[in-house]
């Protein structure tokens, strides 16, 4: 049996790297006494796979982890798993949803085609977010980027799928494509707020989407009673 979890990464733990977060999950699964399957060989590893890496410093209410259980796991209470694992994880990591992953379902790395982000910061206001929306009107948006020591200038306009202020007006909600060389929220901030230090722009990932008949579909929807706009968590 394979189980897919949706979780958060909020507050101070946003400075935890993707690799360290993976280790934290492995320890939490052991503490929760979940019968996780392991690979074969001289150095067996738990069969855990993670979704798209969250940039260090960004927060999220849409992190995904796939865990394969042993054949002798027996019946598993899915409703109890979120609380069971959250209790074993550090503050800031909370499991929101657990569901059985259907056989044949694509891996997280393969399935996700776009992510939605909320951007905000002390130097940003409604006018800044409205001004940022101008990016949708551009035919070409060139951004200089470096990868493996080589610099290139890329047209990133096709990666920006949606951009609009939220209902309150103090955050910009943007959906960025992840297929190909993804546009990071910090890179988008460089384009959207040229006069603001990207380090002063906070980013919260709220959704990871898969393509379903040409329309975005969420992997695992949030619980009905979950506040999708969490209050500020002290840094």
Protein backbone atom coordinates (compact mmCIF):
# COMPACT_ATOMS: atom_id res chain seq x y z
CA UNK A 1 0.00 0.00 0.00
CA UNK A 2 1.21 3.49 -0.87
CA UNK A 3 -0.03 6.49 1.10
CA UNK A 4 0.17 10.11 0.00
CA UNK A 5 0.41 12.82 2.65
CA UNK A 6 -0.21 16.55 2.35
CA UNK A 7 1.54 18.66 4.96
CA UNK A 8 2.69 22.14 5.93
CA UNK A 9 6.07 23.78 6.36
CA UNK A 10 5.52 27.02 8.26
CA UNK A 11 7.49 29.34 10.51
CA UNK A 12 11.11 28.75 11.47
CA UNK A 13 11.26 25.38 9.72
CA UNK A 14 11.07 27.22 6.39
CA UNK A 15 14.86 27.55 6.69
CA UNK A 16 15.21 23.75 6.73
CA UNK A 17 16.63 22.42 3.46
CA UNK A 18 14.78 19.87 1.36
CA UNK A 19 17.33 17.20 2.28
CA UNK A 20 17.06 17.92 6.01
CA UNK A 21 13.27 17.91 5.77
CA UNK A 22 13.48 14.43 4.22
CA UNK A 23 15.53 13.22 7.19
CA UNK A 24 12.99 14.76 9.57
CA UNK A 25 10.22 12.82 7.85
CA UNK A 26 12.15 9.56 8.07
CA UNK A 27 12.62 10.02 11.84
CA UNK A 28 8.96 10.97 12.29
CA UNK A 29 7.80 7.84 10.48
CA UNK A 30 9.93 5.73 12.82
CA UNK A 31 8.60 7.54 15.90
CA UNK A 32 5.04 7.01 14.69
CA UNK A 33 5.86 3.29 14.27
CA UNK A 34 4.53 3.24 10.73
CA UNK A 35 5.56 -0.01 8.96
CA UNK A 36 7.41 1.59 6.06
CA UNK A 37 8.73 -0.69 3.32
CA UNK A 38 12.45 -0.62 2.56
CA UNK A 39 14.58 -1.08 -0.51
CA UNK A 40 16.66 -4.21 -0.93
CA UNK A 41 20.43 -4.35 -0.94
CA UNK A 42 23.35 -3.72 1.39
CA UNK A 43 22.03 -0.37 2.64
CA UNK A 44 18.21 -0.53 2.64
CA UNK A 45 16.40 2.80 2.61
CA UNK A 46 12.76 3.53 3.46
CA UNK A 47 10.53 3.75 0.41
CA UNK A 48 9.63 7.43 0.66
CA UNK A 49 9.38 9.89 -2.22
CA UNK A 50 8.94 13.63 -1.99
CA UNK A 51 7.29 16.16 -4.24
CA UNK A 52 8.88 19.21 -5.82
CA UNK A 53 11.52 20.71 -3.56
CA UNK A 54 10.42 23.82 -1.69
CA UNK A 55 12.97 26.64 -1.95
CA UNK A 56 14.72 27.18 1.38
CA UNK A 57 13.06 30.14 3.11
CA UNK A 58 9.68 29.59 1.48
CA UNK A 59 6.65 28.27 3.39
CA UNK A 60 3.93 25.90 2.28
CA UNK A 61 0.57 24.38 3.06
CA UNK A 62 0.91 22.04 0.08
CA UNK A 63 3.87 19.71 0.62
CA UNK A 64 3.50 16.10 -0.52
CA UNK A 65 5.15 12.86 0.56
CA UNK A 66 4.48 9.36 -0.77
CA UNK A 67 5.19 6.47 1.61
CA UNK A 68 5.05 2.78 0.74
CA UNK A 69 4.05 0.42 3.57
CA UNK A 70 5.18 -3.15 4.05
CA UNK A 71 2.97 -6.00 2.84
CA UNK A 72 2.36 -7.02 6.46
CA UNK A 73 1.17 -3.53 7.46
CA UNK A 74 -2.43 -4.73 7.84
CA UNK A 75 -5.28 -2.27 8.14
CA UNK A 76 -4.22 1.37 8.52
CA UNK A 77 -6.50 4.03 10.01
CA UNK A 78 -6.09 6.81 7.45
CA UNK A 79 -8.16 9.26 9.49
CA UNK A 80 -5.80 8.89 12.46
CA UNK A 81 -2.58 9.17 10.46
CA UNK A 82 -2.41 12.99 10.17
CA UNK A 83 -2.55 13.47 13.94
CA UNK A 84 -0.27 10.51 14.57
CA UNK A 85 2.45 11.87 12.29
CA UNK A 86 2.02 15.53 13.23
CA UNK A 87 2.76 14.60 16.84
CA UNK A 88 6.07 13.09 15.71
CA UNK A 89 7.10 16.06 13.57
CA UNK A 90 8.64 19.38 14.73
CA UNK A 91 6.52 22.52 15.09
CA UNK A 92 5.74 23.92 11.66
CA UNK A 93 5.36 20.51 10.03
CA UNK A 94 1.74 19.37 10.25
CA UNK A 95 0.13 16.59 8.26
CA UNK A 96 -3.22 17.74 6.87
CA UNK A 97 -4.44 14.85 4.71
CA UNK A 98 -3.59 11.17 4.20
CA UNK A 99 -4.97 9.11 1.31
CA UNK A 100 -4.19 5.86 -0.46
CA UNK A 101 -2.25 6.44 -3.66
CA UNK A 102 -3.96 4.56 -6.47
CA UNK A 103 -1.85 1.97 -8.36
CA UNK A 104 -0.39 3.36 -11.56
CA UNK A 105 -0.54 6.96 -10.37
CA UNK A 106 2.36 9.05 -11.63
CA UNK A 107 5.04 10.05 -9.17
CA UNK A 108 4.89 13.49 -7.58
CA UNK A 109 7.86 14.70 -9.60
CA UNK A 110 6.17 13.62 -12.86
CA UNK A 111 2.56 14.58 -12.11
CA UNK A 112 2.79 18.19 -10.92
CA UNK A 113 2.58 20.75 -13.73
CA UNK A 114 2.17 24.02 -11.80
CA UNK A 115 2.19 25.52 -8.30
CA UNK A 116 0.28 28.42 -6.78
CA UNK A 117 2.13 30.86 -4.53
CA UNK A 118 1.18 33.79 -2.31
CA UNK A 119 3.74 36.60 -2.16
CA UNK A 120 3.81 39.40 0.39
CA UNK A 121 6.22 41.53 2.41
CA UNK A 122 6.57 44.72 4.47
CA UNK A 123 7.51 46.78 1.40
CA UNK A 124 4.58 45.52 -0.68
CA UNK A 125 1.04 46.87 -0.84
CA UNK A 126 -2.01 46.68 -3.08
CA UNK A 127 -0.49 49.03 -5.65
CA UNK A 128 2.67 46.93 -5.84
CA UNK A 129 0.65 43.78 -6.45
CA UNK A 130 -1.51 45.46 -9.09
CA UNK A 131 1.65 46.74 -10.76
CA UNK A 132 3.11 43.23 -10.69
CA UNK A 133 0.14 41.97 -12.67
CA UNK A 134 1.47 43.89 -15.66
CA UNK A 135 3.73 40.92 -16.30
CA UNK A 136 0.75 39.10 -17.83
CA UNK A 137 0.50 41.78 -20.51
CA UNK A 138 4.09 41.26 -21.67
CA UNK A 139 4.84 39.13 -24.72
CA UNK A 140 8.40 38.39 -23.58
CA UNK A 141 9.96 38.49 -20.12
CA UNK A 142 13.69 37.96 -20.17
CA UNK A 143 15.46 36.90 -16.99
CA UNK A 144 19.17 36.29 -16.55
CA UNK A 145 19.75 33.06 -14.64
CA UNK A 146 22.69 30.93 -13.66
CA UNK A 147 22.79 27.14 -13.65
CA UNK A 148 25.84 24.96 -13.02
CA UNK A 149 28.08 27.99 -13.35
CA UNK A 150 26.68 29.02 -16.72
CA UNK A 151 24.62 32.16 -17.27
CA UNK A 152 21.76 32.37 -19.72
CA UNK A 153 18.92 34.72 -20.56
CA UNK A 154 15.55 32.95 -20.66
CA UNK A 155 12.10 34.08 -21.70
CA UNK A 156 10.08 33.13 -18.60
CA UNK A 157 6.76 34.64 -19.67
CA UNK A 158 5.27 31.21 -20.60
CA UNK A 159 5.93 30.05 -17.03
CA UNK A 160 3.56 32.67 -15.52
CA UNK A 161 0.06 31.22 -15.83
CA UNK A 162 -1.90 33.47 -13.46
CA UNK A 163 -1.22 36.53 -11.31
CA UNK A 164 -3.68 38.64 -9.31
CA UNK A 165 -3.97 40.22 -5.84
CA UNK A 166 -5.90 38.16 -3.30
CA UNK A 167 -9.31 39.19 -1.96
CA UNK A 168 -7.75 41.22 0.87
CA UNK A 169 -5.26 42.89 -1.45
CA UNK A 170 -2.08 42.51 0.58
CA UNK A 171 -0.82 39.37 -1.19
CA UNK A 172 -0.20 38.47 -4.81
CA UNK A 173 -1.45 35.05 -5.88
CA UNK A 174 0.55 33.65 -8.79
CA UNK A 175 0.49 30.25 -10.51
CA UNK A 176 3.81 29.22 -12.05
CA UNK A 177 4.42 26.30 -14.40
CA UNK A 178 6.81 23.60 -13.22
CA UNK A 179 7.32 21.74 -16.50
CA UNK A 180 10.74 22.44 -17.97
CA UNK A 181 13.05 24.80 -16.11
CA UNK A 182 10.67 26.07 -13.44
CA UNK A 183 10.45 29.73 -12.46
CA UNK A 184 11.15 30.09 -8.74
CA UNK A 185 9.08 32.53 -6.66
CA UNK A 186 12.24 34.52 -5.84
CA UNK A 187 12.92 34.88 -9.57
CA UNK A 188 9.34 35.97 -10.18
CA UNK A 189 9.75 38.54 -7.36
CA UNK A 190 12.79 40.01 -9.13
CA UNK A 191 10.58 40.70 -12.13
CA UNK A 192 7.43 41.73 -10.27
CA UNK A 193 9.07 44.00 -7.68
CA UNK A 194 12.30 45.34 -9.25
CA UNK A 195 12.79 47.93 -6.49
CA UNK A 196 12.39 45.45 -3.62
CA UNK A 197 15.03 43.05 -2.34
CA UNK A 198 13.76 39.52 -3.17
CA UNK A 199 14.81 38.48 0.34
CA UNK A 200 12.12 40.83 1.66
CA UNK A 201 9.39 39.00 -0.28
CA UNK A 202 7.81 36.11 1.62
CA UNK A 203 6.50 33.15 -0.38
CA UNK A 204 3.85 30.60 0.60
CA UNK A 205 3.06 27.62 -1.64
CA UNK A 206 -0.67 26.96 -1.40
CA UNK A 207 -1.28 24.40 -4.17
CA UNK A 208 0.43 21.87 -6.37
CA UNK A 209 -1.57 21.07 -9.49
CA UNK A 210 -1.75 18.21 -11.96
CA UNK A 211 -3.26 18.46 -15.44
CA UNK A 212 -6.68 16.86 -15.87
CA UNK A 213 -8.17 17.21 -19.35
CA UNK A 214 -6.44 20.55 -19.79
CA UNK A 215 -7.55 21.91 -16.41
CA UNK A 216 -5.54 22.11 -13.16
CA UNK A 217 -6.61 19.65 -10.45
CA UNK A 218 -5.32 19.61 -6.90
CA UNK A 219 -3.52 16.46 -5.75
CA UNK A 220 -5.21 16.31 -2.33
CA UNK A 221 -7.69 19.06 -1.37
CA UNK A 222 -7.37 20.68 2.03
CA UNK A 223 -9.68 19.64 4.87
CA UNK A 224 -12.92 21.62 4.83
CA UNK A 225 -12.18 23.21 8.23
CA UNK A 226 -8.60 24.26 7.38
CA UNK A 227 -7.89 27.98 7.09
CA UNK A 228 -6.23 28.24 3.68
CA UNK A 229 -4.86 31.66 4.64
CA UNK A 230 -2.94 30.90 7.85
CA UNK A 231 -2.02 33.67 10.24
CA UNK A 232 1.56 34.88 10.34
CA UNK A 233 3.81 32.40 12.10
CA UNK A 234 6.58 34.08 14.16
CA UNK A 235 9.99 33.74 12.51
